[in-house]
Amino acid sequence: MTASTDKLILAVPKGRILEQVMPVFEQAGLIPEPAFFKSGERRLRFATNHDNLDIVRVRSFDVATFLAYGAAHLGVAGSDVIAEFSHPEIYAPVDLNIGICRMVVACSAEFADAEDPKSWSHVRVATKYPSMTKDYFAKRGVQAECIKLNGAMELAPQMGLCRRIVDLVETGSTLKANGLVELETIAQVSSRLVVNRTAWKQHPEMVDGWISRLRAAVRQAAE
């Protein structure tokens, strides 16, 4: 597994999802060391209150990379990231019921009345999710030309890069503030507990234990 063969590594994304998942971790009895919560701390790997589990902070898409190649054994990743990465080593056994949002197709409000998704045969879109976007449109018989952007998606129509975007939306306020409107929903998204399949086979008791703890924590939070 790692230099320490009896220790699991849990990869978590920075930002909003990390804030939302911490109460779930606490309910499951998982507490990182105090330095994990310090804003000025530059370390990315931390101990927890369990000797056989360390936690690392990485970017959301990097959670999937660390899991796929066995550098981490457990993680928290959005269903959008899981679907976009689509790696056979990544399995998502628990919906954590956090990070809930939707992936949508949006366009400039000034063109919205002229848009008819049922009539599309070819679309050009800016997106962080080219694989998901192409798969979605291909199932409808639509050819999608995807322009890969990692952020500031809402600027693409304003700057003439393309008319439409595919992006995650929680409340829709960012779209509205940038003069965009939703045309259709591609997928509902939430964050999941993900595991590396090989690590699960090698250490079933340890991995199963955390799956059970986190599943119970989600269930208790919903009650």
Foldseek 3Di string as FASTA:
>chain_A
DDPPVQAAEEEEEDDDVVVVCVLLCVQLVKAWDPLVPDPPRPDFWTHIPDPRYIYGYDHQLVNVVCQLVVVGFKYKHKPLSCVLVVHPQKDFDFFLPAPKWFKFKKFAPVCQVVDDVLPAQEFEEEECRVVLVQVQVVVSNHGYHYDYDDDPRLCCCVVVVGGMYIDIDHPCPVQVVSRMDTDGTSGIMGMTMMGGNVVCVVCVVVVVSSVVSSNVSSVVVVD
